[in-house]
């Protein structure tokens, strides 16, 4: 086992940690940094794959992440678009640039 694997509890432990924090990063990128949006499970679940597919390599905590998701709005999955629509109905005006 290499030192990284030992430090993080094995190869799957590191991946598990990444998978746990990824939705929060994606949420920030996909919808803007409003605090209320970070806890929205619908956006986290339904937009994470879109962010990885469309904005790979972009820091999810950057303004560039917002721009990337907005620039690719037409290419978002139906699931992500529906989650954004549901969020907009519950929290009108919280998602910027729409």
PDB file of N, CA and C in Angstrom:
ATOM      1  N   UNK A   1       0.856  -1.177   0.000  1.00  0.00           N
ATOM      2  CA  UNK A   1       0.000   0.000   0.000  1.00  0.00           C
ATOM      3  C   UNK A   1       0.898   1.234   0.000  1.00  0.00           C
ATOM      4  N   UNK A   2       0.650   2.208  -0.874  1.00  0.00           N
ATOM      5  CA  UNK A   2       1.487   3.399  -0.881  1.00  0.00           C
ATOM      6  C   UNK A   2       1.100   4.332   0.258  1.00  0.00           C
ATOM      7  N   UNK A   3       1.912   5.377   0.465  1.00  0.00           N
ATOM      8  CA  UNK A   3       1.680   6.257   1.616  1.00  0.00           C
ATOM      9  C   UNK A   3       0.353   6.999   1.518  1.00  0.00           C
ATOM     10  N   UNK A   4      -0.085   7.356   0.316  1.00  0.00           N
ATOM     11  CA  UNK A   4      -1.380   8.030   0.174  1.00  0.00           C
ATOM     12  C   UNK A   4      -2.520   7.111   0.569  1.00  0.00           C
ATOM     13  N   UNK A   5      -2.432   5.851   0.152  1.00  0.00           N
ATOM     14  CA  UNK A   5      -3.480   4.899   0.512  1.00  0.00           C
ATOM     15  C   UNK A   5      -3.542   4.704   2.011  1.00  0.00           C
ATOM     16  N   UNK A   6      -2.389   4.592   2.645  1.00  0.00           N
ATOM     17  CA  UNK A   6      -2.364   4.407   4.096  1.00  0.00           C
ATOM     18  C   UNK A   6      -2.895   5.642   4.804  1.00  0.00           C
ATOM     19  N   UNK A   7      -2.510   6.808   4.341  1.00  0.00           N
ATOM     20  CA  UNK A   7      -2.918   8.051   4.987  1.00  0.00           C
ATOM     21  C   UNK A   7      -4.429   8.242   4.899  1.00  0.00           C
ATOM     22  N   UNK A   8      -5.030   7.868   3.824  1.00  0.00           N
ATOM     23  CA  UNK A   8      -6.464   8.083   3.650  1.00  0.00           C
ATOM     24  C   UNK A   8      -7.289   6.838   3.944  1.00  0.00           C
ATOM     25  N   UNK A   9      -6.687   5.826   4.525  1.00  0.00           N
ATOM     26  CA  UNK A   9      -7.438   4.633   4.898  1.00  0.00           C
ATOM     27  C   UNK A   9      -7.668   3.680   3.745  1.00  0.00           C
ATOM     28  N   UNK A  10      -6.830   3.721   2.752  1.00  0.00           N
ATOM     29  CA  UNK A  10      -6.964   2.816   1.614  1.00  0.00           C
ATOM     30  C   UNK A  10      -7.506   3.541   0.410  1.00  0.00           C
ATOM     31  N   UNK A  11      -7.370   2.944  -0.759  1.00  0.00           N
ATOM     32  CA  UNK A  11      -7.785   3.604  -1.999  1.00  0.00           C
ATOM     33  C   UNK A  11      -9.254   3.972  -2.028  1.00  0.00           C
ATOM     34  N   UNK A  12     -10.115   3.123  -1.532  1.00  0.00           N
ATOM     35  CA  UNK A  12     -11.545   3.427  -1.606  1.00  0.00           C
ATOM     36  C   UNK A  12     -11.949   4.510  -0.615  1.00  0.00           C
ATOM     37  N   UNK A  13     -11.214   4.675   0.462  1.00  0.00           N
ATOM     38  CA  UNK A  13     -11.528   5.701   1.459  1.00  0.00           C
ATOM     39  C   UNK A  13     -11.364   7.091   0.850  1.00  0.00           C
ATOM     40  N   UNK A  14     -10.272   7.309   0.091  1.00  0.00           N
ATOM     41  CA  UNK A  14     -10.053   8.597  -0.548  1.00  0.00           C
ATOM     42  C   UNK A  14     -11.155   8.909  -1.549  1.00  0.00           C
ATOM     43  N   UNK A  15     -11.535   7.927  -2.337  1.00  0.00           N
ATOM     44  CA  UNK A  15     -12.606   8.112  -3.315  1.00  0.00           C
ATOM     45  C   UNK A  15     -13.921   8.402  -2.609  1.00  0.00           C
ATOM     46  N   UNK A  16     -14.160   7.704  -1.519  1.00  0.00           N
ATOM     47  CA  UNK A  16     -15.384   7.923  -0.748  1.00  0.00           C
ATOM     48  C   UNK A  16     -15.465   9.359  -0.256  1.00  0.00           C
ATOM     49  N   UNK A  17     -14.354   9.895   0.205  1.00  0.00           N
ATOM     50  CA  UNK A  17     -14.323  11.278   0.684  1.00  0.00           C
ATOM     51  C   UNK A  17     -14.621  12.240  -0.452  1.00  0.00           C
ATOM     52  N   UNK A  18     -14.018  12.008  -1.605  1.00  0.00           N
ATOM     53  CA  UNK A  18     -14.261  12.864  -2.767  1.00  0.00           C
ATOM     54  C   UNK A  18     -15.732  12.833  -3.149  1.00  0.00           C
ATOM     55  N   UNK A  19     -16.318  11.639  -3.163  1.00  0.00           N
ATOM     56  CA  UNK A  19     -17.724  11.517  -3.543  1.00  0.00           C
ATOM     57  C   UNK A  19     -18.648  12.193  -2.538  1.00  0.00           C
ATOM     58  N   UNK A  20     -18.242  12.265  -1.287  1.00  0.00           N
ATOM     59  CA  UNK A  20     -19.069  12.929  -0.280  1.00  0.00           C
ATOM     60  C   UNK A  20     -19.042  14.440  -0.435  1.00  0.00           C
ATOM     61  N   UNK A  21     -17.896  15.005  -0.817  1.00  0.00           N
ATOM     62  CA  UNK A  21     -17.816  16.462  -0.911  1.00  0.00           C
ATOM     63  C   UNK A  21     -18.143  16.983  -2.303  1.00  0.00           C
ATOM     64  N   UNK A  22     -18.086  16.137  -3.321  1.00  0.00           N
ATOM     65  CA  UNK A  22     -18.335  16.579  -4.693  1.00  0.00           C
ATOM     66  C   UNK A  22     -19.684  17.262  -4.873  1.00  0.00           C
ATOM     67  N   UNK A  23     -20.772  16.737  -4.318  1.00  0.00           N
ATOM     68  CA  UNK A  23     -22.052  17.410  -4.530  1.00  0.00           C
ATOM     69  C   UNK A  23     -22.077  18.853  -4.027  1.00  0.00           C
ATOM     70  N   UNK A  24     -21.383  19.124  -2.936  1.00  0.00           N
ATOM     71  CA  UNK A  24     -21.353  20.489  -2.427  1.00  0.00           C
ATOM     72  C   UNK A  24     -20.601  21.396  -3.384  1.00  0.00           C
ATOM     73  N   UNK A  25     -19.505  20.908  -3.929  1.00  0.00           N
ATOM     74  CA  UNK A  25     -18.746  21.687  -4.887  1.00  0.00           C
ATOM     75  C   UNK A  25     -19.550  21.908  -6.153  1.00  0.00           C
ATOM     76  N   UNK A  26     -20.234  20.894  -6.603  1.00  0.00           N
ATOM     77  CA  UNK A  26     -21.044  20.996  -7.804  1.00  0.00           C
ATOM     78  C   UNK A  26     -22.168  21.982  -7.615  1.00  0.00           C
ATOM     79  N   UNK A  27     -22.799  21.916  -6.493  1.00  0.00           N
ATOM     80  CA  UNK A  27     -23.901  22.821  -6.208  1.00  0.00           C
ATOM     81  C   UNK A  27     -23.439  24.262  -6.294  1.00  0.00           C
ATOM     82  N   UNK A  28     -22.298  24.547  -5.728  1.00  0.00           N
ATOM     83  CA  UNK A  28     -21.767  25.899  -5.802  1.00  0.00           C
ATOM     84  C   UNK A  28     -21.538  26.306  -7.244  1.00  0.00           C
ATOM     85  N   UNK A  29     -20.997  25.426  -8.012  1.00  0.00           N
ATOM     86  CA  UNK A  29     -20.693  25.742  -9.391  1.00  0.00           C
ATOM     87  C   UNK A  29     -21.932  25.886 -10.240  1.00  0.00           C
ATOM     88  N   UNK A  30     -22.888  25.047 -10.028  1.00  0.00           N
ATOM     89  CA  UNK A  30     -24.043  24.989 -10.907  1.00  0.00           C
ATOM     90  C   UNK A  30     -25.033  26.099 -10.679  1.00  0.00           C
ATOM     91  N   UNK A  31     -25.077  26.648  -9.505  1.00  0.00           N
ATOM     92  CA  UNK A  31     -26.202  27.510  -9.199  1.00  0.00           C
ATOM     93  C   UNK A  31     -25.863  28.840  -8.572  1.00  0.00           C
ATOM     94  N   UNK A  32     -24.634  29.118  -8.270  1.00  0.00           N
ATOM     95  CA  UNK A  32     -24.119  30.314  -7.612  1.00  0.00           C
ATOM     96  C   UNK A  32     -23.908  30.041  -6.143  1.00  0.00           C
ATOM     97  N   UNK A  33     -23.131  30.877  -5.481  1.00  0.00           N
ATOM     98  CA  UNK A  33     -22.713  30.541  -4.126  1.00  0.00           C
ATOM     99  C   UNK A  33     -23.703  30.851  -3.009  1.00  0.00           C
ATOM    100  N   UNK A  34     -24.937  31.065  -3.297  1.00  0.00           N
ATOM    101  CA  UNK A  34     -25.906  31.356  -2.231  1.00  0.00           C
ATOM    102  C   UNK A  34     -25.943  30.221  -1.217  1.00  0.00           C
ATOM    103  N   UNK A  35     -25.867  30.561   0.054  1.00  0.00           N
ATOM    104  CA  UNK A  35     -25.780  29.567   1.121  1.00  0.00           C
ATOM    105  C   UNK A  35     -26.929  28.576   1.097  1.00  0.00           C
ATOM    106  N   UNK A  36     -28.132  29.019   0.853  1.00  0.00           N
ATOM    107  CA  UNK A  36     -29.295  28.131   0.881  1.00  0.00           C
ATOM    108  C   UNK A  36     -29.194  27.027  -0.163  1.00  0.00           C
ATOM    109  N   UNK A  37     -28.538  27.303  -1.264  1.00  0.00           N
ATOM    110  CA  UNK A  37     -28.457  26.325  -2.343  1.00  0.00           C
ATOM    111  C   UNK A  37     -27.505  25.185  -2.032  1.00  0.00           C
ATOM    112  N   UNK A  38     -26.566  25.382  -1.134  1.00  0.00           N
ATOM    113  CA  UNK A  38     -25.587  24.343  -0.822  1.00  0.00           C
ATOM    114  C   UNK A  38     -26.236  23.113  -0.210  1.00  0.00           C
ATOM    115  N   UNK A  39     -27.377  23.289   0.398  1.00  0.00           N
ATOM    116  CA  UNK A  39     -28.041  22.184   1.073  1.00  0.00           C
ATOM    117  C   UNK A  39     -29.169  21.576   0.253  1.00  0.00           C
ATOM    118  N   UNK A  40     -29.323  21.962  -0.989  1.00  0.00           N
ATOM    119  CA  UNK A  40     -30.428  21.454  -1.793  1.00  0.00           C
ATOM    120  C   UNK A  40     -30.052  20.116  -2.429  1.00  0.00           C
ATOM    121  N   UNK A  41     -30.610  19.018  -1.921  1.00  0.00           N
ATOM    122  CA  UNK A  41     -30.235  17.702  -2.441  1.00  0.00           C
ATOM    123  C   UNK A  41     -30.642  17.473  -3.888  1.00  0.00           C
ATOM    124  N   UNK A  42     -31.711  18.102  -4.336  1.00  0.00           N
ATOM    125  CA  UNK A  42     -32.132  17.935  -5.726  1.00  0.00           C
ATOM    126  C   UNK A  42     -31.096  18.463  -6.695  1.00  0.00           C
ATOM    127  N   UNK A  43     -30.562  19.634  -6.405  1.00  0.00           N
ATOM    128  CA  UNK A  43     -29.518  20.188  -7.265  1.00  0.00           C
ATOM    129  C   UNK A  43     -28.246  19.358  -7.168  1.00  0.00           C
ATOM    130  N   UNK A  44     -27.899  18.956  -5.965  1.00  0.00           N
ATOM    131  CA  UNK A  44     -26.687  18.158  -5.778  1.00  0.00           C
ATOM    132  C   UNK A  44     -26.757  16.863  -6.576  1.00  0.00           C
ATOM    133  N   UNK A  45     -27.851  16.153  -6.443  1.00  0.00           N
ATOM    134  CA  UNK A  45     -27.987  14.849  -7.108  1.00  0.00           C
ATOM    135  C   UNK A  45     -28.093  14.961  -8.619  1.00  0.00           C
ATOM    136  N   UNK A  46     -28.846  15.920  -9.077  1.00  0.00           N
ATOM    137  CA  UNK A  46     -29.197  15.968 -10.497  1.00  0.00           C
ATOM    138  C   UNK A  46     -28.258  16.782 -11.370  1.00  0.00           C
ATOM    139  N   UNK A  47     -27.398  17.595 -10.768  1.00  0.00           N
ATOM    140  CA  UNK A  47     -26.514  18.436 -11.582  1.00  0.00           C
ATOM    141  C   UNK A  47     -25.038  18.062 -11.475  1.00  0.00           C
ATOM    142  N   UNK A  48     -24.686  17.163 -10.570  1.00  0.00           N
ATOM    143  CA  UNK A  48     -23.279  16.802 -10.383  1.00  0.00           C
ATOM    144  C   UNK A  48     -22.664  16.234 -11.664  1.00  0.00           C
ATOM    145  N   UNK A  49     -23.339  15.301 -12.301  1.00  0.00           N
ATOM    146  CA  UNK A  49     -22.788  14.699 -13.525  1.00  0.00           C
ATOM    147  C   UNK A  49     -22.622  15.726 -14.631  1.00  0.00           C
ATOM    148  N   UNK A  50     -23.554  16.674 -14.712  1.00  0.00           N
ATOM    149  CA  UNK A  50     -23.455  17.716 -15.732  1.00  0.00           C
ATOM    150  C   UNK A  50     -22.198  18.557 -15.517  1.00  0.00           C
ATOM    151  N   UNK A  51     -21.935  18.908 -14.266  1.00  0.00           N
ATOM    152  CA  UNK A  51     -20.751  19.717 -13.993  1.00  0.00           C
ATOM    153  C   UNK A  51     -19.488  18.962 -14.398  1.00  0.00           C
ATOM    154  N   UNK A  52     -19.384  17.695 -13.998  1.00  0.00           N
ATOM    155  CA  UNK A  52     -18.195  16.921 -14.346  1.00  0.00           C
ATOM    156  C   UNK A  52     -18.071  16.743 -15.854  1.00  0.00           C
ATOM    157  N   UNK A  53     -19.173  16.585 -16.541  1.00  0.00           N
ATOM    158  CA  UNK A  53     -19.159  16.369 -17.991  1.00  0.00           C
ATOM    159  C   UNK A  53     -18.840  17.657 -18.745  1.00  0.00           C
ATOM    160  N   UNK A  54     -19.428  18.759 -18.321  1.00  0.00           N
ATOM    161  CA  UNK A  54     -19.329  20.006 -19.075  1.00  0.00           C
ATOM    162  C   UNK A  54     -18.235  20.950 -18.583  1.00  0.00           C
ATOM    163  N   UNK A  55     -17.852  20.817 -17.335  1.00  0.00           N
ATOM    164  CA  UNK A  55     -16.933  21.793 -16.738  1.00  0.00           C
ATOM    165  C   UNK A  55     -15.734  21.126 -16.068  1.00  0.00           C
ATOM    166  N   UNK A  56     -15.326  19.987 -16.570  1.00  0.00           N
ATOM    167  CA  UNK A  56     -14.176  19.283 -16.000  1.00  0.00           C
ATOM    168  C   UNK A  56     -12.966  20.212 -15.974  1.00  0.00           C
ATOM    169  N   UNK A  57     -12.259  20.199 -14.876  1.00  0.00           N
ATOM    170  CA  UNK A  57     -11.063  21.021 -14.745  1.00  0.00           C
ATOM    171  C   UNK A  57     -11.315  22.413 -14.209  1.00  0.00           C
ATOM    172  N   UNK A  58     -12.565  22.802 -14.063  1.00  0.00           N
ATOM    173  CA  UNK A  58     -12.899  24.128 -13.537  1.00  0.00           C
ATOM    174  C   UNK A  58     -13.035  24.027 -12.022  1.00  0.00           C
ATOM    175  N   UNK A  59     -12.446  24.982 -11.307  1.00  0.00           N
ATOM    176  CA  UNK A  59     -12.569  25.022  -9.849  1.00  0.00           C
ATOM    177  C   UNK A  59     -14.026  25.293  -9.505  1.00  0.00           C
ATOM    178  N   UNK A  60     -14.680  24.375  -8.784  1.00  0.00           N
ATOM    179  CA  UNK A  60     -16.104  24.548  -8.490  1.00  0.00           C
ATOM    180  C   UNK A  60     -16.414  25.725  -7.574  1.00  0.00           C
ATOM    181  N   UNK A  61     -15.397  26.292  -6.925  1.00  0.00           N
ATOM    182  CA  UNK A  61     -15.615  27.436  -6.043  1.00  0.00           C
ATOM    183  C   UNK A  61     -15.300  28.756  -6.725  1.00  0.00           C
ATOM    184  N   UNK A  62     -15.102  28.728  -8.014  1.00  0.00           N
ATOM    185  CA  UNK A  62     -14.718  29.938  -8.739  1.00  0.00           C
ATOM    186  C   UNK A  62     -15.889  30.526  -9.516  1.00  0.00           C
ATOM    187  N   UNK A  63     -15.736  31.768  -9.883  1.00  0.00           N
ATOM    188  CA  UNK A  63     -16.714  32.415 -10.749  1.00  0.00           C
ATOM    189  C   UNK A  63     -16.757  31.753 -12.116  1.00  0.00           C
ATOM    190  N   UNK A  64     -15.639  31.168 -12.519  1.00  0.00           N
ATOM    191  CA  UNK A  64     -15.584  30.476 -13.809  1.00  0.00           C
ATOM    192  C   UNK A  64     -16.539  29.285 -13.837  1.00  0.00           C
ATOM    193  N   UNK A  65     -16.767  28.666 -12.683  1.00  0.00           N
ATOM    194  CA  UNK A  65     -17.694  27.530 -12.609  1.00  0.00           C
ATOM    195  C   UNK A  65     -19.111  27.984 -12.929  1.00  0.00           C
ATOM    196  N   UNK A  66     -19.525  29.121 -12.357  1.00  0.00           N
ATOM    197  CA  UNK A  66     -20.845  29.674 -12.667  1.00  0.00           C
ATOM    198  C   UNK A  66     -20.961  29.949 -14.163  1.00  0.00           C
ATOM    199  N   UNK A  67     -19.921  30.575 -14.717  1.00  0.00           N
ATOM    200  CA  UNK A  67     -19.926  30.909 -16.143  1.00  0.00           C
ATOM    201  C   UNK A  67     -20.006  29.650 -17.003  1.00  0.00           C
ATOM    202  N   UNK A  68     -19.281  28.620 -16.606  1.00  0.00           N
ATOM    203  CA  UNK A  68     -19.278  27.376 -17.380  1.00  0.00           C
ATOM    204  C   UNK A  68     -20.671  26.752 -17.423  1.00  0.00           C
ATOM    205  N   UNK A  69     -21.322  26.662 -16.282  1.00  0.00           N
ATOM    206  CA  UNK A  69     -22.656  26.057 -16.259  1.00  0.00           C
ATOM    207  C   UNK A  69     -23.654  26.912 -17.031  1.00  0.00           C
ATOM    208  N   UNK A  70     -23.555  28.232 -16.906  1.00  0.00           N
ATOM    209  CA  UNK A  70     -24.455  29.111 -17.659  1.00  0.00           C
ATOM    210  C   UNK A  70     -24.194  29.001 -19.160  1.00  0.00           C
ATOM    211  N   UNK A  71     -22.926  28.943 -19.534  1.00  0.00           N
ATOM    212  CA  UNK A  71     -22.552  28.827 -20.949  1.00  0.00           C
ATOM    213  C   UNK A  71     -23.073  27.515 -21.543  1.00  0.00           C
ATOM    214  N   UNK A  72     -23.171  26.488 -20.739  1.00  0.00           N
ATOM    215  CA  UNK A  72     -23.607  25.168 -21.200  1.00  0.00           C
ATOM    216  C   UNK A  72     -25.048  24.853 -20.838  1.00  0.00           C
ATOM    217  N   UNK A  73     -25.818  25.860 -20.504  1.00  0.00           N
ATOM    218  CA  UNK A  73     -27.201  25.660 -20.048  1.00  0.00           C
ATOM    219  C   UNK A  73     -28.011  24.795 -21.019  1.00  0.00           C
ATOM    220  N   UNK A  74     -27.854  25.002 -22.305  1.00  0.00           N
ATOM    221  CA  UNK A  74     -28.628  24.237 -23.292  1.00  0.00           C
ATOM    222  C   UNK A  74     -28.223  22.763 -23.319  1.00  0.00           C
ATOM    223  N   UNK A  75     -27.032  22.451 -22.819  1.00  0.00           N
ATOM    224  CA  UNK A  75     -26.532  21.073 -22.837  1.00  0.00           C
ATOM    225  C   UNK A  75     -26.765  20.339 -21.521  1.00  0.00           C
ATOM    226  N   UNK A  76     -27.391  21.009 -20.541  1.00  0.00           N
ATOM    227  CA  UNK A  76     -27.661  20.356 -19.254  1.00  0.00           C
ATOM    228  C   UNK A  76     -28.643  19.211 -19.449  1.00  0.00           C
ATOM    229  N   UNK A  77     -28.503  18.200 -18.631  1.00  0.00           N
ATOM    230  CA  UNK A  77     -29.418  17.056 -18.700  1.00  0.00           C
ATOM    231  C   UNK A  77     -30.824  17.486 -18.309  1.00  0.00           C
ATOM    232  N   UNK A  78     -31.788  16.713 -18.750  1.00  0.00           N
ATOM    233  CA  UNK A  78     -33.182  16.992 -18.386  1.00  0.00           C
ATOM    234  C   UNK A  78     -33.351  16.966 -16.870  1.00  0.00           C
ATOM    235  N   UNK A  79     -32.628  16.067 -16.198  1.00  0.00           N
ATOM    236  CA  UNK A  79     -32.723  15.959 -14.741  1.00  0.00           C
ATOM    237  C   UNK A  79     -32.223  17.222 -14.058  1.00  0.00           C
ATOM    238  N   UNK A  80     -31.099  17.755 -14.529  1.00  0.00           N
ATOM    239  CA  UNK A  80     -30.546  18.976 -13.938  1.00  0.00           C
ATOM    240  C   UNK A  80     -31.466  20.162 -14.210  1.00  0.00           C
ATOM    241  N   UNK A  81     -31.953  20.271 -15.443  1.00  0.00           N
ATOM    242  CA  UNK A  81     -32.875  21.367 -15.765  1.00  0.00           C
ATOM    243  C   UNK A  81     -34.121  21.301 -14.888  1.00  0.00           C
ATOM    244  N   UNK A  82     -34.644  20.091 -14.671  1.00  0.00           N
ATOM    245  CA  UNK A  82     -35.831  19.930 -13.824  1.00  0.00           C
ATOM    246  C   UNK A  82     -35.521  20.314 -12.382  1.00  0.00           C
ATOM    247  N   UNK A  83     -34.344  19.932 -11.893  1.00  0.00           N
ATOM    248  CA  UNK A  83     -33.962  20.274 -10.517  1.00  0.00           C
ATOM    249  C   UNK A  83     -33.825  21.781 -10.352  1.00  0.00           C
ATOM    250  N   UNK A  84     -33.263  22.443 -11.349  1.00  0.00           N
ATOM    251  CA  UNK A  84     -33.142  23.901 -11.301  1.00  0.00           C
ATOM    252  C   UNK A  84     -34.530  24.531 -11.331  1.00  0.00           C
ATOM    253  N   UNK A  85     -35.417  24.008 -12.183  1.00  0.00           N
ATOM    254  CA  UNK A  85     -36.790  24.513 -12.237  1.00  0.00           C
ATOM    255  C   UNK A  85     -37.517  24.339 -10.918  1.00  0.00           C
ATOM    256  N   UNK A  86     -37.355  23.174 -10.293  1.00  0.00           N
ATOM    257  CA  UNK A  86     -37.976  22.935  -8.984  1.00  0.00           C
ATOM    258  C   UNK A  86     -37.424  23.889  -7.942  1.00  0.00           C
ATOM    259  N   UNK A  87     -36.102  24.102  -7.971  1.00  0.00           N
ATOM    260  CA  UNK A  87     -35.483  25.019  -7.019  1.00  0.00           C
ATOM    261  C   UNK A  87     -36.016  26.433  -7.225  1.00  0.00           C
ATOM    262  N   UNK A  88     -36.114  26.850  -8.498  1.00  0.00           N
ATOM    263  CA  UNK A  88     -36.633  28.189  -8.812  1.00  0.00           C
ATOM    264  C   UNK A  88     -38.047  28.386  -8.272  1.00  0.00           C
ATOM    265  N   UNK A  89     -38.864  27.342  -8.333  1.00  0.00           N
ATOM    266  CA  UNK A  89     -40.240  27.447  -7.825  1.00  0.00           C
ATOM    267  C   UNK A  89     -40.256  27.603  -6.308  1.00  0.00           C
ATOM    268  N   UNK A  90     -39.360  26.874  -5.630  1.00  0.00           N
ATOM    269  CA  UNK A  90     -39.301  26.943  -4.165  1.00  0.00           C
ATOM    270  C   UNK A  90     -38.583  28.191  -3.678  1.00  0.00           C
ATOM    271  N   UNK A  91     -37.575  28.617  -4.410  1.00  0.00           N
ATOM    272  CA  UNK A  91     -36.718  29.729  -3.997  1.00  0.00           C
ATOM    273  C   UNK A  91     -36.575  30.732  -5.145  1.00  0.00           C
ATOM    274  N   UNK A  92     -37.642  31.436  -5.515  1.00  0.00           N
ATOM    275  CA  UNK A  92     -37.573  32.348  -6.663  1.00  0.00           C
ATOM    276  C   UNK A  92     -36.455  33.382  -6.517  1.00  0.00           C
ATOM    277  N   UNK A  93     -35.712  33.559  -7.595  1.00  0.00           N
ATOM    278  CA  UNK A  93     -34.685  34.587  -7.628  1.00  0.00           C
ATOM    279  C   UNK A  93     -33.370  34.220  -6.974  1.00  0.00           C
ATOM    280  N   UNK A  94     -33.230  33.013  -6.450  1.00  0.00           N
ATOM    281  CA  UNK A  94     -31.987  32.639  -5.764  1.00  0.00           C
ATOM    282  C   UNK A  94     -30.884  32.242  -6.735  1.00  0.00           C
ATOM    283  N   UNK A  95     -31.231  31.731  -7.903  1.00  0.00           N
ATOM    284  CA  UNK A  95     -30.211  31.340  -8.864  1.00  0.00           C
ATOM    285  C   UNK A  95     -29.960  32.517  -9.783  1.00  0.00           C
ATOM    286  N   UNK A  96     -28.717  32.989  -9.762  1.00  0.00           N
ATOM    287  CA  UNK A  96     -28.344  34.176 -10.532  1.00  0.00           C
ATOM    288  C   UNK A  96     -28.148  33.838 -11.999  1.00  0.00           C
ATOM    289  N   UNK A  97     -28.279  34.832 -12.836  1.00  0.00           N
ATOM    290  CA  UNK A  97     -28.019  34.672 -14.249  1.00  0.00           C
ATOM    291  C   UNK A  97     -29.102  33.933 -14.997  1.00  0.00           C
ATOM    292  N   UNK A  98     -30.304  33.913 -14.461  1.00  0.00           N
ATOM    293  CA  UNK A  98     -31.388  33.172 -15.088  1.00  0.00           C
ATOM    294  C   UNK A  98     -32.512  34.113 -15.407  1.00  0.00           C
TER     295      UNK A  98
END
